[in-house]
Amino acid sequence: MILAPEEDPFYQRFSPARKRLFVCIVALSVFLSPSSSMAFLPATSDISKQFKTTETVIIVSNACYYLVMAISPCIMSPLGDLYGRRPMYLLCSGGFTLFTALVAVSQNIVMFFVFRSLTALFGTAFFSLGGAIVGDIYIPQERGNAMGWTLSGSQLGPAFAPVVGGFIVTYTSWRVIFGLLAGLGAITFVLSFLFLQETIRISKLNALRSETGRRFVFVRFNPFRVFTAFKFLNLLLSGVMSMSLIYNMCTLTTPIPSVVNPRFHLTSPLYSGLFYLAPGMGYLTGSLYGGKWADRYVRKYMVTRGERVPEDRLRSTYASFGFVLPVSVLIYGWSIEKEKGGVALPVLALFFSGTAQTFCFPSINAYSVDCLPHLGGDAIASNYFIRYIAGAIGTGTCLLQIHNIGVGWSNTISCFVLLVGFANCLILIQYGGRLRERTIAVE
């Protein structure tokens, strides 16, 4: 007999305090990779001068970073299902620490590119592994809130990392930025080693051991398995939603120094770094309350329907995804382009866009886990893969767009991409249940 999640003792193995501790560890770990991608942005000029290259090349290194971020879940998430969450968490936190330290001592642009890419490989795995851990320990009605708290860690990076990076590069060296991140990676490794327990129901390795009675067994590993999740339209549509949000985030935040410095005549990396506080605080606010808002919708429609429907969670994004976010993006772009509203208008627009964006992500992440739970970590990993492909495209092309058509029209394009993502959200709300039923019937 299949138990409802509320009755399944699997979700009661850990005390509420222990679950919160796991969430805190996940929140700290997902802080690392976004911080690494954002903290050095105020230092792009200094890094380009030291390596005798251009700022555009350094920005391209961030596009490569996002590309490897997309690849990382395809490798690490299946390994988490094979060997367990805890071993992979220890491997990834150790790898992130090592390669971030090597970035700090890079002697040329090639070393900088390679070691940053390897940092992304290990650091990004925390997102999919952390999402799987939340799915392992919380019932669906509680996952949105837990996802929100884990996402708060990833949003603290965009909020404060550029400010800290601007401060560091103003008074010391950009290398200190990566030294600090390596230290945080080491702390994450120690906390994971001491306190993080295995959460998976049963790893595939242990399942094979039980079946064969042998301790040493061969487990086949397919790094392309995550791609097969896209044959399910529910995951493909939710992936497009994530793509639109990350594309917007990267095209909005990556060029901030390039557009606000000439607009407001800023000369110090610290000052342009302070502009990241506006979207960053919005990201943090949205991540803290977006999950609770999504869970509220789940409980509300459970009372109405008498059952839980995964798509009801997406209804919580109507206002944020469909209105606040695209309007804020337009206001920011054209206020910079037309030099209207002083500092206050673009800052407010950045804050509201950040808040609206992370009101959406807890719903999308939890939905990816809920809609087809039999896929395990592959569901959330597929979502992270496709969203960071969009991040690489947005990061790599944003400066080119701005130089050719201006920040106003660039943000108009971003607004259109957001509306495409919201259209996919509406399709899922209306037809997602039928798509899931068709999937179950076929299988």
Protein backbone atom coordinates (compact mmCIF):
# COMPACT_ATOMS: atom_id res chain seq x y z
CA MET A 1 0.00 0.00 0.00
CA ILE A 2 1.32 3.46 -0.94
CA LEU A 3 1.13 5.84 2.01
CA ALA A 4 0.27 9.51 1.68
CA PRO A 5 3.32 11.70 2.42
CA GLU A 6 1.70 12.92 5.66
CA GLU A 7 1.49 9.31 6.90
CA ASP A 8 4.83 8.06 5.61
CA PRO A 9 7.27 7.50 8.53
CA PHE A 10 10.12 8.22 6.11
CA TYR A 11 9.48 11.94 6.58
CA GLN A 12 9.50 11.62 10.38
CA ARG A 13 13.01 10.17 10.73
CA PHE A 14 14.55 13.48 11.75
CA SER A 15 13.35 15.90 14.40
CA PRO A 16 12.21 19.38 13.32
CA ALA A 17 15.40 20.83 14.83
CA ARG A 18 17.56 18.40 12.85
CA LYS A 19 15.69 19.23 9.64
CA ARG A 20 16.25 22.93 10.23
CA LEU A 21 19.96 22.24 10.74
CA PHE A 22 20.10 20.43 7.39
CA VAL A 23 18.34 23.38 5.75
CA CYS A 24 20.87 25.78 7.29
CA ILE A 25 23.75 23.73 5.88
CA VAL A 26 22.11 23.70 2.45
CA ALA A 27 21.49 27.46 2.66
CA LEU A 28 25.16 28.10 3.45
CA SER A 29 26.36 25.83 0.66
CA VAL A 30 24.13 27.41 -2.02
CA PHE A 31 25.49 30.79 -0.94
CA LEU A 32 28.89 29.85 -2.35
CA SER A 33 28.41 29.50 -6.10
CA PRO A 34 26.33 32.69 -6.67
CA SER A 35 28.78 34.59 -4.50
CA SER A 36 31.64 33.37 -6.66
CA SER A 37 29.86 34.52 -9.81
CA MET A 38 28.89 37.94 -8.38
CA ALA A 39 31.61 39.03 -5.94
CA PHE A 40 34.25 39.67 -8.59
CA LEU A 41 32.04 41.82 -10.88
CA PRO A 42 33.17 45.13 -9.33
CA ALA A 43 36.74 43.89 -9.81
CA THR A 44 36.52 43.10 -13.54
CA SER A 45 38.57 46.16 -14.47
CA ASP A 46 41.39 45.27 -12.04
CA ILE A 47 41.42 41.60 -13.10
CA SER A 48 41.50 42.50 -16.81
CA LYS A 49 44.43 44.87 -16.24
CA GLN A 50 46.39 42.27 -14.26
CA PHE A 51 45.90 39.62 -16.94
CA LYS A 52 46.40 42.14 -19.78
CA THR A 53 43.01 41.51 -21.38
CA THR A 54 39.66 43.29 -21.68
CA GLU A 55 36.70 43.50 -19.30
CA THR A 56 34.58 41.74 -21.92
CA VAL A 57 36.86 38.70 -21.74
CA ILE A 58 36.49 38.61 -17.96
CA ILE A 59 32.69 38.80 -18.33
CA VAL A 60 32.93 35.91 -20.82
CA SER A 61 34.64 33.92 -18.06
CA ASN A 62 31.44 34.39 -16.07
CA ALA A 63 29.44 33.09 -19.04
CA CYS A 64 31.70 30.01 -19.02
CA TYR A 65 31.05 29.77 -15.28
CA TYR A 66 27.29 29.65 -15.92
CA LEU A 67 27.77 27.08 -18.68
CA VAL A 68 29.57 24.74 -16.29
CA MET A 69 26.90 25.52 -13.69
CA ALA A 70 24.43 24.03 -16.19
CA ILE A 71 26.54 20.91 -16.68
CA SER A 72 27.17 20.33 -12.98
CA PRO A 73 23.70 18.98 -12.02
CA CYS A 74 23.85 16.51 -14.93
CA ILE A 75 26.86 14.89 -13.28
CA MET A 76 26.41 15.45 -9.56
CA SER A 77 22.68 14.87 -9.17
CA PRO A 78 22.70 11.32 -10.64
CA LEU A 79 25.73 10.57 -8.47
CA GLY A 80 23.72 11.77 -5.47
CA ASP A 81 21.03 9.22 -6.33
CA LEU A 82 23.65 6.51 -6.85
CA TYR A 83 25.86 7.03 -3.80
CA GLY A 84 23.79 9.22 -1.49
CA ARG A 85 23.49 12.94 -0.76
CA ARG A 86 26.07 13.14 2.03
CA PRO A 87 29.10 11.69 0.14
CA MET A 88 28.43 14.04 -2.77
CA TYR A 89 28.03 17.01 -0.44
CA LEU A 90 31.43 16.31 1.07
CA LEU A 91 33.02 15.84 -2.35
CA CYS A 92 31.53 19.05 -3.73
CA SER A 93 32.33 21.24 -0.73
CA GLY A 94 35.91 19.96 -0.79
CA GLY A 95 36.21 20.52 -4.55
CA PHE A 96 34.77 24.02 -4.33
CA THR A 97 37.24 24.94 -1.59
CA LEU A 98 40.25 23.59 -3.46
CA PHE A 99 39.55 25.19 -6.83
CA THR A 100 38.46 28.53 -5.38
CA ALA A 101 41.81 28.70 -3.61
CA LEU A 102 43.49 27.98 -6.95
CA VAL A 103 41.52 30.81 -8.58
CA ALA A 104 42.93 33.12 -5.91
CA VAL A 105 46.51 32.26 -6.93
CA SER A 106 45.95 32.13 -10.72
CA GLN A 107 48.89 33.53 -12.66
CA ASN A 108 47.29 33.97 -16.09
CA ILE A 109 43.92 34.17 -17.80
CA VAL A 110 43.93 30.46 -18.74
CA MET A 111 44.34 29.39 -15.11
CA PHE A 112 41.62 31.86 -14.14
CA PHE A 113 39.17 30.39 -16.70
CA VAL A 114 39.93 26.74 -15.89
CA PHE A 115 39.84 26.97 -12.11
CA ARG A 116 36.70 29.13 -12.13
CA SER A 117 34.98 26.55 -14.33
CA LEU A 118 35.96 23.75 -11.95
CA THR A 119 34.68 25.86 -9.06
CA ALA A 120 31.31 26.06 -10.82
CA LEU A 121 31.29 22.29 -11.41
CA PHE A 122 31.46 21.53 -7.69
CA GLY A 123 29.72 24.60 -6.27
CA THR A 124 26.55 24.42 -8.36
CA ALA A 125 25.86 20.83 -7.36
CA PHE A 126 24.63 22.13 -4.00
CA PHE A 127 21.47 23.46 -5.66
CA SER A 128 20.23 20.14 -7.02
CA LEU A 129 21.59 18.10 -4.09
CA GLY A 130 20.09 20.57 -1.62
CA GLY A 131 16.73 20.49 -3.41
CA ALA A 132 16.80 16.70 -3.26
CA ILE A 133 17.59 16.82 0.48
CA VAL A 134 14.59 19.10 1.08
CA GLY A 135 12.43 16.67 -0.90
CA ASP A 136 13.78 13.80 1.22
CA ILE A 137 12.91 15.31 4.60
CA TYR A 138 9.77 17.45 4.11
CA ILE A 139 6.26 16.55 2.99
CA PRO A 140 5.01 18.51 -0.06
CA GLN A 141 2.93 20.98 1.99
CA GLU A 142 6.11 22.09 3.81
CA ARG A 143 8.60 22.05 0.95
CA GLY A 144 7.91 25.53 -0.37
CA ASN A 145 8.87 27.17 2.91
CA ALA A 146 11.98 24.99 3.24
CA MET A 147 12.94 25.72 -0.38
CA GLY A 148 12.53 29.41 0.38
CA TRP A 149 14.94 29.22 3.29
CA THR A 150 17.53 27.32 1.27
CA LEU A 151 17.16 29.85 -1.54
CA SER A 152 17.76 32.64 0.97
CA GLY A 153 21.37 31.49 1.06
CA SER A 154 21.69 31.72 -2.71
CA GLN A 155 20.17 35.21 -2.63
CA LEU A 156 22.46 36.52 0.09
CA GLY A 157 25.28 36.07 -2.43
CA PRO A 158 23.85 38.48 -5.02
CA ALA A 159 22.86 40.84 -2.18
CA PHE A 160 26.17 41.22 -0.40
CA ALA A 161 28.93 39.53 -2.41
CA PRO A 162 29.34 42.41 -4.94
CA VAL A 163 29.42 44.92 -2.08
CA VAL A 164 32.06 42.93 -0.22
CA GLY A 165 33.91 42.41 -3.50
CA GLY A 166 33.83 46.14 -4.23
CA PHE A 167 35.12 46.92 -0.74
CA ILE A 168 37.90 44.34 -1.01
CA VAL A 169 39.10 45.42 -4.45
CA THR A 170 39.01 49.09 -3.42
CA TYR A 171 41.34 48.54 -0.45
CA THR A 172 43.24 45.31 -1.16
CA SER A 173 43.40 42.81 -4.06
CA TRP A 174 40.76 40.88 -6.01
CA ARG A 175 42.55 37.69 -4.95
CA VAL A 176 41.31 38.21 -1.39
CA ILE A 177 37.75 37.78 -2.69
CA PHE A 178 38.43 34.21 -3.71
CA GLY A 179 40.49 33.53 -0.60
CA LEU A 180 37.47 34.49 1.50
CA LEU A 181 35.19 32.25 -0.58
CA ALA A 182 37.62 29.35 -0.17
CA GLY A 183 37.43 29.82 3.61
CA LEU A 184 33.63 29.69 3.49
CA GLY A 185 33.86 26.53 1.42
CA ALA A 186 36.06 24.95 4.08
CA ILE A 187 33.50 25.86 6.77
CA THR A 188 30.76 24.23 4.67
CA PHE A 189 32.84 21.06 4.37
CA VAL A 190 33.36 20.86 8.13
CA LEU A 191 29.67 21.46 8.91
CA SER A 192 28.59 18.86 6.35
CA PHE A 193 31.07 16.33 7.74
CA LEU A 194 29.96 16.86 11.34
CA PHE A 195 26.21 17.35 11.08
CA LEU A 196 24.75 16.36 7.70
CA GLN A 197 23.29 12.85 7.72
CA GLU A 198 22.20 10.76 4.79
CA THR A 199 18.63 11.65 3.74
CA ILE A 200 17.94 9.51 0.67
CA ARG A 201 15.44 6.69 1.16
CA ILE A 202 17.89 4.19 -0.31
CA SER A 203 20.77 4.89 -2.67
CA LYS A 204 21.00 2.83 -5.83
CA LEU A 205 24.35 1.49 -4.65
CA ASN A 206 22.81 0.14 -1.44
CA ALA A 207 19.83 -1.21 -3.35
CA LEU A 208 22.16 -3.18 -5.62
CA ARG A 209 24.11 -4.42 -2.62
CA SER A 210 20.91 -5.70 -1.06
CA GLU A 211 19.83 -7.40 -4.28
CA THR A 212 23.16 -9.08 -5.01
CA GLY A 213 24.40 -9.66 -1.47
CA ARG A 214 27.79 -8.30 -2.50
CA ARG A 215 29.56 -5.32 -0.96
CA PHE A 216 31.38 -4.30 -4.13
CA VAL A 217 29.06 -3.85 -7.09
CA PHE A 218 29.29 -1.94 -10.35
CA VAL A 219 26.80 0.90 -10.70
CA ARG A 220 26.31 2.25 -14.20
CA PHE A 221 26.41 6.01 -14.39
CA ASN A 222 24.88 8.02 -17.21
CA PRO A 223 25.64 11.77 -17.00
CA PHE A 224 23.13 12.41 -19.79
CA ARG A 225 20.25 10.87 -17.85
CA VAL A 226 19.11 14.31 -16.66
CA PHE A 227 18.35 15.29 -20.28
CA THR A 228 15.74 12.53 -20.53
CA ALA A 229 13.64 14.41 -17.96
CA PHE A 230 12.78 16.89 -20.68
CA LYS A 231 10.65 14.32 -22.47
CA PHE A 232 8.10 15.15 -19.77
CA LEU A 233 6.34 18.34 -20.80
CA ASN A 234 5.74 19.40 -17.20
CA LEU A 235 9.46 19.62 -16.58
CA LEU A 236 10.18 21.20 -19.95
CA LEU A 237 7.64 23.96 -19.36
CA SER A 238 8.84 24.61 -15.81
CA GLY A 239 12.38 24.68 -17.21
CA VAL A 240 11.41 27.43 -19.66
CA MET A 241 9.98 29.37 -16.70
CA SER A 242 13.33 29.10 -14.91
CA MET A 243 15.23 30.02 -18.06
CA SER A 244 13.31 33.26 -18.42
CA LEU A 245 13.95 34.22 -14.80
CA ILE A 246 17.69 33.49 -14.83
CA TYR A 247 18.14 35.16 -18.22
CA ASN A 248 16.51 38.25 -16.77
CA MET A 249 18.62 38.09 -13.62
CA CYS A 250 21.90 37.85 -15.53
CA THR A 251 21.10 40.53 -18.10
CA LEU A 252 19.98 42.81 -15.28
CA THR A 253 22.82 42.36 -12.76
CA THR A 254 25.93 41.50 -14.82
CA PRO A 255 26.21 44.91 -16.55
CA ILE A 256 25.33 47.04 -13.49
CA PRO A 257 28.84 48.59 -13.22
CA SER A 258 28.88 49.23 -16.98
CA VAL A 259 25.55 51.09 -16.98
CA VAL A 260 25.40 52.81 -13.58
CA ASN A 261 29.00 54.09 -13.49
CA PRO A 262 28.60 56.37 -16.55
CA ARG A 263 24.98 57.19 -15.66
CA PHE A 264 25.81 58.43 -12.14
CA HIS A 265 29.51 59.30 -12.73
CA LEU A 266 30.84 56.69 -10.29
CA THR A 267 34.58 56.10 -10.14
CA SER A 268 35.02 53.55 -7.32
CA PRO A 269 34.21 49.81 -7.54
CA LEU A 270 32.74 50.14 -4.04
CA TYR A 271 30.06 52.58 -5.19
CA SER A 272 28.91 50.47 -8.13
CA GLY A 273 29.00 47.43 -5.84
CA LEU A 274 26.51 49.14 -3.54
CA PHE A 275 23.95 49.10 -6.36
CA TYR A 276 23.83 45.31 -6.03
CA LEU A 277 22.27 45.73 -2.59
CA ALA A 278 18.98 46.75 -4.22
CA PRO A 279 18.30 43.57 -6.24
CA GLY A 280 20.10 41.48 -3.63
CA MET A 281 17.86 42.58 -0.79
CA GLY A 282 14.92 41.95 -3.10
CA TYR A 283 16.18 38.42 -3.77
CA LEU A 284 16.52 37.81 -0.04
CA THR A 285 13.06 39.20 0.75
CA GLY A 286 11.42 37.15 -1.97
CA SER A 287 13.16 33.93 -0.98
CA LEU A 288 12.07 34.29 2.67
CA TYR A 289 8.42 34.96 1.90
CA GLY A 290 7.91 33.38 -1.51
CA GLY A 291 8.02 29.82 -0.16
CA LYS A 292 5.48 30.58 2.56
CA TRP A 293 3.25 32.28 -0.01
CA ALA A 294 3.42 29.20 -2.26
CA ASP A 295 2.67 26.79 0.61
CA ARG A 296 -0.33 28.95 1.50
CA TYR A 297 -1.75 28.37 -1.98
CA VAL A 298 -1.15 24.63 -1.70
CA ARG A 299 -3.06 24.45 1.60
CA LYS A 300 -5.82 26.75 0.32
CA TYR A 301 -6.57 24.61 -2.74
CA MET A 302 -6.24 21.39 -0.76
CA VAL A 303 -9.20 22.60 1.33
CA THR A 304 -11.10 23.58 -1.84
CA ARG A 305 -10.38 20.40 -3.81
CA GLY A 306 -9.97 17.88 -1.04
CA GLU A 307 -6.65 16.82 -2.53
CA ARG A 308 -3.20 18.23 -3.29
CA VAL A 309 -2.50 19.23 -6.90
CA PRO A 310 1.15 20.22 -7.63
CA GLU A 311 0.15 22.91 -10.14
CA ASP A 312 -1.74 24.87 -7.48
CA ARG A 313 1.63 25.99 -6.13
CA LEU A 314 2.29 27.90 -9.34
CA ARG A 315 -0.80 30.04 -8.82
CA SER A 316 1.19 31.96 -6.21
CA THR A 317 3.25 33.53 -9.02
CA TYR A 318 0.40 35.35 -10.82
CA ALA A 319 1.26 38.85 -9.56
CA SER A 320 5.04 38.49 -9.20
CA PHE A 321 5.79 36.70 -12.49
CA GLY A 322 3.03 38.18 -14.60
CA PHE A 323 3.18 41.83 -13.53
CA VAL A 324 5.67 43.07 -10.93
CA LEU A 325 8.79 41.52 -12.47
CA PRO A 326 8.35 42.55 -16.13
CA VAL A 327 7.17 46.06 -15.18
CA SER A 328 10.15 46.55 -12.82
CA VAL A 329 12.58 45.43 -15.52
CA LEU A 330 11.13 47.93 -17.98
CA ILE A 331 11.22 50.78 -15.46
CA TYR A 332 14.86 50.07 -14.57
CA GLY A 333 16.05 49.87 -18.17
CA TRP A 334 14.32 52.98 -19.43
CA SER A 335 15.05 55.05 -16.30
CA ILE A 336 18.76 54.43 -16.96
CA GLU A 337 18.42 54.94 -20.71
CA LYS A 338 16.49 58.23 -20.43
CA GLU A 339 18.28 59.38 -17.26
CA LYS A 340 15.01 59.84 -15.36
CA GLY A 341 14.14 59.38 -11.68
CA GLY A 342 17.60 59.99 -10.26
CA VAL A 343 19.08 57.16 -8.16
CA ALA A 344 15.84 56.29 -6.38
CA LEU A 345 13.80 55.02 -9.35
CA PRO A 346 16.30 52.42 -10.70
CA VAL A 347 17.14 51.30 -7.15
CA LEU A 348 13.46 50.71 -6.35
CA ALA A 349 12.96 48.95 -9.67
CA LEU A 350 15.92 46.66 -8.94
CA PHE A 351 14.54 45.86 -5.49
CA PHE A 352 11.05 45.00 -6.71
CA SER A 353 12.38 42.95 -9.61
CA GLY A 354 14.56 40.96 -7.21
CA THR A 355 11.68 40.39 -4.80
CA ALA A 356 9.30 39.28 -7.55
CA GLN A 357 11.88 36.95 -9.07
CA THR A 358 12.49 35.01 -5.88
CA PHE A 359 8.80 34.89 -5.09
CA CYS A 360 8.72 32.61 -8.14
CA PHE A 361 11.67 30.30 -7.59
CA PRO A 362 10.48 28.42 -4.46
CA SER A 363 7.30 27.52 -6.36
CA ILE A 364 9.19 26.34 -9.44
CA ASN A 365 11.76 24.36 -7.43
CA ALA A 366 9.15 22.66 -5.26
CA TYR A 367 6.97 21.97 -8.32
CA SER A 368 9.90 20.27 -10.07
CA VAL A 369 10.20 17.90 -7.11
CA ASP A 370 6.44 17.38 -6.66
CA CYS A 371 5.09 16.95 -10.18
CA LEU A 372 6.97 13.72 -11.05
CA PRO A 373 8.46 12.47 -7.76
CA HIS A 374 9.53 9.13 -9.23
CA LEU A 375 12.32 10.91 -11.14
CA GLY A 376 14.13 11.73 -7.90
CA GLY A 377 16.97 14.23 -8.19
CA ASP A 378 16.79 14.25 -12.00
CA ALA A 379 13.71 16.50 -11.95
CA ILE A 380 15.29 19.39 -10.06
CA ALA A 381 18.66 18.81 -11.78
CA SER A 382 17.05 19.20 -15.20
CA ASN A 383 15.58 22.51 -14.10
CA TYR A 384 18.95 23.81 -12.93
CA PHE A 385 20.60 22.63 -16.15
CA ILE A 386 18.26 24.55 -18.43
CA ARG A 387 18.16 27.69 -16.28
CA TYR A 388 21.94 28.07 -16.21
CA ILE A 389 22.18 27.61 -19.97
CA ALA A 390 20.03 30.74 -20.10
CA GLY A 391 22.35 32.33 -17.52
CA ALA A 392 25.35 31.70 -19.77
CA ILE A 393 23.55 33.22 -22.76
CA GLY A 394 22.39 36.25 -20.79
CA THR A 395 25.79 36.88 -19.23
CA GLY A 396 27.68 36.44 -22.47
CA THR A 397 25.42 38.69 -24.58
CA CYS A 398 24.20 41.43 -22.23
CA LEU A 399 27.07 43.87 -22.80
CA LEU A 400 26.92 43.32 -26.56
CA GLN A 401 23.19 44.10 -26.52
CA ILE A 402 23.64 47.23 -24.43
CA HIS A 403 26.46 48.53 -26.62
CA ASN A 404 24.37 48.04 -29.76
CA ILE A 405 20.79 48.89 -28.78
CA GLY A 406 21.05 50.46 -25.32
CA VAL A 407 19.96 49.33 -21.88
CA GLY A 408 16.31 50.32 -22.44
CA TRP A 409 15.73 48.05 -25.43
CA SER A 410 17.88 45.30 -23.86
CA ASN A 411 15.56 45.26 -20.87
CA THR A 412 12.55 45.31 -23.17
CA ILE A 413 13.85 42.06 -24.72
CA SER A 414 14.29 40.66 -21.21
CA CYS A 415 10.69 41.66 -20.41
CA PHE A 416 9.46 39.76 -23.47
CA VAL A 417 11.44 36.67 -22.38
CA LEU A 418 9.79 36.91 -18.94
CA LEU A 419 6.33 37.02 -20.49
CA VAL A 420 7.15 33.88 -22.49
CA GLY A 421 8.09 32.19 -19.21
CA PHE A 422 4.86 33.36 -17.59
CA ALA A 423 2.86 31.97 -20.52
CA ASN A 424 4.41 28.57 -19.78
CA CYS A 425 3.34 28.99 -16.16
CA LEU A 426 -0.26 29.60 -17.23
CA ILE A 427 -0.16 26.51 -19.47
CA LEU A 428 1.02 24.37 -16.56
CA ILE A 429 -1.65 25.72 -14.23
CA GLN A 430 -4.34 24.95 -16.79
CA TYR A 431 -3.10 21.69 -18.33
CA GLY A 432 -0.31 20.40 -16.06
CA GLY A 433 -2.54 17.82 -14.40
CA ARG A 434 -3.54 16.30 -17.75
CA LEU A 435 0.09 16.18 -18.84
CA ARG A 436 1.07 14.31 -15.67
CA GLU A 437 -1.79 11.84 -16.10
CA ARG A 438 -0.73 11.21 -19.68
CA THR A 439 2.83 10.57 -18.50
CA ILE A 440 1.69 8.08 -15.86
CA ALA A 441 -0.56 6.31 -18.41
CA VAL A 442 2.31 5.95 -20.89
CA GLU A 443 4.70 4.61 -18.28
